[in-house]
N, C-alpha and C. Protein backbone atom coordinates (compact mmCIF):
# COMPACT_ATOMS: atom_id res chain seq x y z
N MET A 1 -24.19 -126.24 78.07
CA MET A 1 -25.09 -125.12 78.04
C MET A 1 -24.59 -124.05 79.00
N LYS A 2 -24.61 -122.85 78.53
CA LYS A 2 -24.20 -121.76 79.41
C LYS A 2 -25.30 -121.50 80.41
N ASP A 3 -24.93 -121.46 81.70
CA ASP A 3 -25.92 -121.22 82.75
C ASP A 3 -26.20 -119.73 82.82
N GLN A 4 -27.43 -119.36 82.61
CA GLN A 4 -27.80 -117.95 82.62
C GLN A 4 -28.18 -117.47 84.02
N GLY A 5 -28.32 -118.41 84.96
CA GLY A 5 -28.65 -118.02 86.31
C GLY A 5 -30.13 -117.75 86.48
N ARG A 6 -30.47 -116.99 87.50
CA ARG A 6 -31.84 -116.71 87.86
C ARG A 6 -32.46 -115.68 86.90
N SER A 7 -33.77 -115.68 86.78
CA SER A 7 -34.47 -114.73 85.93
C SER A 7 -34.29 -113.31 86.46
N PRO A 8 -34.11 -112.32 85.58
CA PRO A 8 -33.94 -110.94 86.06
C PRO A 8 -35.25 -110.30 86.54
N ARG A 9 -36.36 -111.02 86.38
CA ARG A 9 -37.66 -110.48 86.79
C ARG A 9 -38.22 -111.24 87.99
N LYS A 10 -38.89 -110.51 88.87
CA LYS A 10 -39.56 -111.13 90.01
C LYS A 10 -40.89 -111.71 89.55
N ARG A 11 -41.53 -112.46 90.44
CA ARG A 11 -42.83 -113.05 90.15
C ARG A 11 -43.87 -111.95 89.88
N THR A 12 -43.68 -110.81 90.54
CA THR A 12 -44.63 -109.70 90.39
C THR A 12 -44.37 -108.89 89.13
N GLY A 13 -43.26 -109.15 88.44
CA GLY A 13 -42.92 -108.40 87.23
C GLY A 13 -41.85 -107.37 87.45
N GLY A 14 -41.52 -107.12 88.72
CA GLY A 14 -40.47 -106.16 89.03
C GLY A 14 -39.10 -106.69 88.66
N ARG A 15 -38.13 -105.77 88.59
CA ARG A 15 -36.79 -106.16 88.17
C ARG A 15 -35.97 -106.58 89.36
N ARG A 16 -35.24 -107.68 89.23
CA ARG A 16 -34.33 -108.15 90.28
C ARG A 16 -32.92 -107.81 89.84
N ARG A 17 -32.23 -107.05 90.66
CA ARG A 17 -30.87 -106.64 90.29
C ARG A 17 -29.86 -107.66 90.80
N PRO A 18 -28.86 -108.00 89.98
CA PRO A 18 -27.87 -108.99 90.41
C PRO A 18 -27.03 -108.46 91.57
N ASN A 19 -26.78 -109.32 92.57
CA ASN A 19 -25.98 -108.88 93.71
C ASN A 19 -24.51 -109.22 93.55
N HIS A 20 -24.15 -110.01 92.54
CA HIS A 20 -22.74 -110.25 92.25
C HIS A 20 -22.60 -110.75 90.81
N LYS A 21 -21.39 -110.62 90.30
CA LYS A 21 -21.13 -111.15 88.96
C LYS A 21 -20.98 -112.66 89.05
N LYS A 22 -20.89 -113.32 87.90
CA LYS A 22 -20.74 -114.78 87.91
C LYS A 22 -19.35 -115.16 88.40
N LYS A 23 -19.31 -116.19 89.24
CA LYS A 23 -18.03 -116.72 89.69
C LYS A 23 -17.52 -117.70 88.64
N LYS A 24 -16.28 -118.08 88.76
CA LYS A 24 -15.64 -118.96 87.77
C LYS A 24 -16.42 -120.27 87.60
N HIS A 25 -16.90 -120.86 88.71
CA HIS A 25 -17.61 -122.13 88.61
C HIS A 25 -19.04 -121.97 88.09
N GLU A 26 -19.54 -120.75 88.03
CA GLU A 26 -20.89 -120.50 87.52
C GLU A 26 -20.90 -120.25 86.01
N LEU A 27 -19.73 -120.05 85.44
CA LEU A 27 -19.64 -119.78 84.00
C LEU A 27 -19.83 -121.07 83.22
N GLY A 28 -20.42 -120.95 82.05
CA GLY A 28 -20.57 -122.10 81.17
C GLY A 28 -19.59 -122.00 80.01
N LYS A 29 -19.53 -123.03 79.20
CA LYS A 29 -18.67 -123.02 78.02
C LYS A 29 -19.52 -123.31 76.79
N ASP A 30 -19.05 -122.88 75.63
CA ASP A 30 -19.75 -123.18 74.39
C ASP A 30 -19.70 -124.67 74.12
N THR A 31 -20.77 -125.20 73.53
CA THR A 31 -20.82 -126.63 73.23
C THR A 31 -19.92 -126.94 72.05
N VAL A 32 -19.40 -128.16 72.04
CA VAL A 32 -18.61 -128.64 70.91
C VAL A 32 -19.49 -129.63 70.15
N GLU A 33 -19.84 -129.28 68.94
CA GLU A 33 -20.67 -130.16 68.12
C GLU A 33 -19.74 -131.05 67.31
N THR A 34 -19.58 -132.30 67.77
CA THR A 34 -18.66 -133.24 67.16
C THR A 34 -19.14 -133.63 65.77
N GLN A 35 -18.28 -133.46 64.77
CA GLN A 35 -18.64 -133.79 63.40
C GLN A 35 -17.88 -135.02 62.93
N VAL A 36 -18.36 -135.60 61.83
CA VAL A 36 -17.68 -136.74 61.22
C VAL A 36 -16.56 -136.18 60.35
N GLY A 37 -15.34 -136.68 60.55
CA GLY A 37 -14.19 -136.21 59.79
C GLY A 37 -12.91 -136.71 60.41
N GLU A 38 -11.78 -136.25 59.88
CA GLU A 38 -10.46 -136.63 60.41
C GLU A 38 -10.38 -136.22 61.87
N GLN A 39 -9.89 -137.13 62.74
CA GLN A 39 -9.95 -136.93 64.18
C GLN A 39 -9.20 -135.69 64.64
N ARG A 40 -9.91 -134.83 65.41
CA ARG A 40 -9.32 -133.64 65.99
C ARG A 40 -9.85 -133.49 67.40
N LEU A 41 -8.96 -133.49 68.40
CA LEU A 41 -9.34 -133.39 69.80
C LEU A 41 -8.93 -132.04 70.37
N LYS A 42 -9.63 -131.64 71.43
CA LYS A 42 -9.35 -130.36 72.07
C LYS A 42 -9.41 -130.58 73.58
N THR A 43 -8.40 -130.11 74.31
CA THR A 43 -8.42 -130.26 75.76
C THR A 43 -8.88 -128.94 76.39
N VAL A 44 -9.74 -129.07 77.40
CA VAL A 44 -10.32 -127.91 78.07
C VAL A 44 -10.11 -128.09 79.57
N ASP A 45 -9.70 -127.02 80.26
CA ASP A 45 -9.56 -127.08 81.71
C ASP A 45 -10.94 -127.21 82.34
N SER A 46 -11.07 -128.10 83.32
CA SER A 46 -12.33 -128.25 84.02
C SER A 46 -12.09 -128.04 85.51
N ARG A 47 -13.11 -128.22 86.30
CA ARG A 47 -13.04 -127.93 87.73
C ARG A 47 -12.04 -128.84 88.43
N GLY A 48 -11.31 -128.28 89.36
CA GLY A 48 -10.26 -129.04 90.02
C GLY A 48 -9.03 -129.06 89.13
N ASN A 49 -8.12 -129.97 89.41
CA ASN A 49 -6.89 -130.07 88.62
C ASN A 49 -7.06 -131.10 87.52
N THR A 50 -8.15 -130.99 86.76
CA THR A 50 -8.43 -131.97 85.72
C THR A 50 -8.67 -131.29 84.38
N GLN A 51 -8.65 -132.09 83.34
CA GLN A 51 -8.93 -131.60 82.00
C GLN A 51 -9.94 -132.50 81.33
N LYS A 52 -10.76 -131.91 80.46
CA LYS A 52 -11.69 -132.67 79.64
C LYS A 52 -11.15 -132.71 78.23
N VAL A 53 -11.34 -133.84 77.57
CA VAL A 53 -10.95 -133.95 76.17
C VAL A 53 -12.23 -133.91 75.35
N ARG A 54 -12.30 -132.98 74.42
CA ARG A 54 -13.48 -132.85 73.58
C ARG A 54 -13.14 -133.23 72.16
N ALA A 55 -14.00 -134.02 71.54
CA ALA A 55 -13.79 -134.42 70.15
C ALA A 55 -14.45 -133.38 69.26
N VAL A 56 -13.64 -132.63 68.52
CA VAL A 56 -14.18 -131.65 67.58
C VAL A 56 -14.63 -132.37 66.30
N LYS A 57 -13.78 -133.29 65.83
CA LYS A 57 -14.12 -134.14 64.69
C LYS A 57 -13.60 -135.54 64.98
N THR A 58 -14.31 -136.55 64.51
CA THR A 58 -13.85 -137.92 64.68
C THR A 58 -14.42 -138.81 63.58
N ASN A 59 -13.68 -139.85 63.24
CA ASN A 59 -14.16 -140.80 62.25
C ASN A 59 -14.03 -142.24 62.74
N VAL A 60 -13.80 -142.41 64.07
CA VAL A 60 -13.61 -143.73 64.66
C VAL A 60 -14.60 -143.91 65.80
N ALA A 61 -15.21 -145.10 65.88
CA ALA A 61 -16.13 -145.41 66.98
C ALA A 61 -15.77 -146.77 67.56
N SER A 62 -15.85 -146.90 68.88
CA SER A 62 -15.67 -148.18 69.56
C SER A 62 -17.05 -148.79 69.72
N ILE A 63 -17.28 -149.90 69.01
CA ILE A 63 -18.61 -150.51 69.00
C ILE A 63 -18.60 -151.77 69.83
N ALA A 64 -19.53 -151.83 70.81
CA ALA A 64 -19.66 -153.01 71.66
C ALA A 64 -20.63 -153.98 70.99
N ASP A 65 -20.17 -155.20 70.82
CA ASP A 65 -21.00 -156.25 70.23
C ASP A 65 -20.95 -157.45 71.16
N GLY A 66 -21.83 -157.46 72.16
CA GLY A 66 -21.80 -158.54 73.13
C GLY A 66 -20.62 -158.36 74.07
N ALA A 67 -19.69 -159.34 74.06
CA ALA A 67 -18.55 -159.31 74.98
C ALA A 67 -17.37 -158.53 74.41
N GLU A 68 -17.23 -158.47 73.07
CA GLU A 68 -16.04 -157.82 72.50
C GLU A 68 -16.35 -156.41 71.99
N THR A 69 -15.29 -155.64 71.86
CA THR A 69 -15.39 -154.27 71.36
C THR A 69 -14.62 -154.16 70.06
N ILE A 70 -15.26 -153.58 69.05
CA ILE A 70 -14.67 -153.46 67.72
C ILE A 70 -14.45 -151.99 67.42
N GLU A 71 -13.32 -151.66 66.82
CA GLU A 71 -13.06 -150.30 66.37
C GLU A 71 -13.54 -150.19 64.92
N ALA A 72 -14.46 -149.27 64.66
CA ALA A 72 -15.04 -149.14 63.32
C ALA A 72 -14.92 -147.71 62.83
N THR A 73 -14.95 -147.53 61.52
CA THR A 73 -14.91 -146.18 60.95
C THR A 73 -16.35 -145.67 60.76
N ILE A 74 -16.55 -144.41 61.06
CA ILE A 74 -17.87 -143.78 60.93
C ILE A 74 -17.99 -143.24 59.50
N GLU A 75 -19.10 -143.59 58.85
CA GLU A 75 -19.35 -143.09 57.50
C GLU A 75 -20.21 -141.84 57.53
N ASN A 76 -21.36 -141.90 58.21
CA ASN A 76 -22.20 -140.71 58.36
C ASN A 76 -23.23 -140.91 59.47
N VAL A 77 -23.96 -139.84 59.78
CA VAL A 77 -25.01 -139.87 60.79
C VAL A 77 -26.34 -140.11 60.09
N VAL A 78 -27.01 -141.21 60.47
CA VAL A 78 -28.29 -141.57 59.84
C VAL A 78 -29.44 -140.80 60.48
N GLU A 79 -29.46 -140.78 61.82
CA GLU A 79 -30.55 -140.15 62.55
C GLU A 79 -30.01 -139.59 63.85
N ASN A 80 -30.56 -138.44 64.26
CA ASN A 80 -30.17 -137.85 65.54
C ASN A 80 -31.43 -137.36 66.24
N PRO A 81 -31.88 -138.06 67.31
CA PRO A 81 -33.13 -137.68 67.96
C PRO A 81 -33.09 -136.32 68.66
N SER A 82 -31.90 -135.83 69.01
CA SER A 82 -31.83 -134.55 69.70
C SER A 82 -32.14 -133.37 68.78
N ASN A 83 -31.80 -133.50 67.49
CA ASN A 83 -32.06 -132.42 66.55
C ASN A 83 -32.01 -132.97 65.12
N PRO A 84 -33.08 -132.85 64.33
CA PRO A 84 -33.06 -133.38 62.97
C PRO A 84 -32.01 -132.72 62.07
N ASN A 85 -31.65 -131.47 62.37
CA ASN A 85 -30.62 -130.79 61.58
C ASN A 85 -29.24 -131.40 61.79
N TYR A 86 -29.02 -132.01 62.97
CA TYR A 86 -27.72 -132.62 63.26
C TYR A 86 -27.44 -133.78 62.32
N ALA A 87 -28.46 -134.54 61.93
CA ALA A 87 -28.26 -135.66 61.01
C ALA A 87 -27.82 -135.13 59.65
N ARG A 88 -28.39 -134.03 59.22
CA ARG A 88 -28.02 -133.44 57.93
C ARG A 88 -26.61 -132.88 57.96
N ARG A 89 -26.22 -132.33 59.11
CA ARG A 89 -24.90 -131.72 59.25
C ARG A 89 -23.84 -132.69 59.73
N ASN A 90 -24.20 -133.98 59.91
CA ASN A 90 -23.26 -135.02 60.38
C ASN A 90 -22.67 -134.68 61.74
N ILE A 91 -23.52 -134.27 62.67
CA ILE A 91 -23.08 -133.96 64.03
C ILE A 91 -23.45 -135.13 64.93
N ILE A 92 -22.46 -135.59 65.72
CA ILE A 92 -22.64 -136.76 66.59
C ILE A 92 -22.93 -136.29 68.01
N THR A 93 -24.03 -136.78 68.59
CA THR A 93 -24.34 -136.57 70.00
C THR A 93 -24.77 -137.90 70.58
N LYS A 94 -24.98 -137.94 71.90
CA LYS A 94 -25.43 -139.16 72.54
C LYS A 94 -26.81 -139.53 71.99
N GLY A 95 -26.98 -140.80 71.62
CA GLY A 95 -28.25 -141.28 71.09
C GLY A 95 -28.34 -141.25 69.58
N ALA A 96 -27.34 -140.67 68.91
CA ALA A 96 -27.37 -140.59 67.45
C ALA A 96 -27.14 -141.97 66.83
N ILE A 97 -27.80 -142.24 65.71
CA ILE A 97 -27.62 -143.49 64.97
C ILE A 97 -26.58 -143.22 63.88
N LEU A 98 -25.49 -144.00 63.90
CA LEU A 98 -24.40 -143.83 62.94
C LEU A 98 -24.37 -144.97 61.94
N GLU A 99 -23.94 -144.66 60.72
CA GLU A 99 -23.65 -145.69 59.72
C GLU A 99 -22.15 -145.93 59.80
N THR A 100 -21.74 -147.17 60.20
CA THR A 100 -20.33 -147.49 60.34
C THR A 100 -19.96 -148.65 59.43
N SER A 101 -18.68 -148.99 59.45
CA SER A 101 -18.21 -150.12 58.64
C SER A 101 -18.75 -151.44 59.16
N GLU A 102 -19.20 -151.49 60.43
CA GLU A 102 -19.76 -152.70 61.03
C GLU A 102 -21.28 -152.75 60.94
N GLY A 103 -21.91 -151.69 60.46
CA GLY A 103 -23.37 -151.60 60.40
C GLY A 103 -23.84 -150.39 61.19
N GLN A 104 -25.14 -150.29 61.40
CA GLN A 104 -25.68 -149.15 62.14
C GLN A 104 -25.45 -149.32 63.64
N ALA A 105 -25.09 -148.22 64.29
CA ALA A 105 -24.79 -148.25 65.72
C ALA A 105 -25.36 -147.00 66.39
N ARG A 106 -25.76 -147.14 67.66
CA ARG A 106 -26.30 -146.04 68.45
C ARG A 106 -25.23 -145.57 69.43
N VAL A 107 -25.00 -144.27 69.47
CA VAL A 107 -23.96 -143.69 70.32
C VAL A 107 -24.41 -143.70 71.78
N THR A 108 -23.54 -144.20 72.68
CA THR A 108 -23.85 -144.25 74.11
C THR A 108 -22.99 -143.28 74.92
N SER A 109 -21.95 -142.72 74.32
CA SER A 109 -21.09 -141.77 75.04
C SER A 109 -21.42 -140.35 74.61
N ARG A 110 -20.78 -139.40 75.27
CA ARG A 110 -20.94 -137.99 74.92
C ARG A 110 -19.62 -137.48 74.34
N PRO A 111 -19.48 -137.49 73.01
CA PRO A 111 -18.19 -137.14 72.40
C PRO A 111 -17.71 -135.74 72.72
N GLY A 112 -18.62 -134.81 72.92
CA GLY A 112 -18.23 -133.45 73.28
C GLY A 112 -17.71 -133.34 74.70
N GLN A 113 -17.97 -134.35 75.54
CA GLN A 113 -17.51 -134.35 76.92
C GLN A 113 -16.38 -135.35 77.15
N HIS A 114 -16.45 -136.51 76.49
CA HIS A 114 -15.50 -137.59 76.75
C HIS A 114 -14.40 -137.69 75.71
N GLY A 115 -14.61 -137.11 74.53
CA GLY A 115 -13.58 -137.14 73.50
C GLY A 115 -13.49 -138.42 72.72
N GLN A 116 -14.46 -139.31 72.89
CA GLN A 116 -14.47 -140.56 72.13
C GLN A 116 -15.91 -140.97 71.86
N VAL A 117 -16.08 -141.81 70.83
CA VAL A 117 -17.41 -142.28 70.48
C VAL A 117 -17.52 -143.75 70.83
N ASN A 118 -18.40 -144.06 71.80
CA ASN A 118 -18.71 -145.44 72.14
C ASN A 118 -20.13 -145.71 71.64
N ALA A 119 -20.34 -146.89 71.08
CA ALA A 119 -21.65 -147.20 70.50
C ALA A 119 -21.97 -148.66 70.65
N VAL A 120 -23.26 -148.99 70.45
CA VAL A 120 -23.71 -150.39 70.43
C VAL A 120 -24.41 -150.62 69.09
N LEU A 121 -24.29 -151.84 68.58
CA LEU A 121 -24.91 -152.16 67.29
C LEU A 121 -26.43 -152.17 67.42
N VAL A 122 -27.09 -151.68 66.37
CA VAL A 122 -28.54 -151.66 66.32
C VAL A 122 -28.98 -152.78 65.36
N GLU A 123 -29.89 -153.64 65.84
CA GLU A 123 -30.34 -154.73 64.98
C GLU A 123 -31.31 -154.22 63.94
């Protein structure tokens, strides 16, 4: 989410004028809405000397089933509690329920931030 900073209005309704422009660390970036499809990753510079990997599209999920982890293919998004339109558009976010080759799974990672889909099976 892009940080918009403080409200331009005071509590009394008067206008508050900005005393400086946004610094580099105060800027936000556009969200990456990860979709189901052929895997496509994007690297973005982040704070410090590090990079974030963002999944633009992915069709693979690492599913935890007890002690072992299985690599499964994603077929579609069944339900997305963050936004009902995301399920229709096949957008994967944390908490989304996916239909995979291993059965239904709930996403536990943030694909737009981590670049991979980790999930647990839903009974």
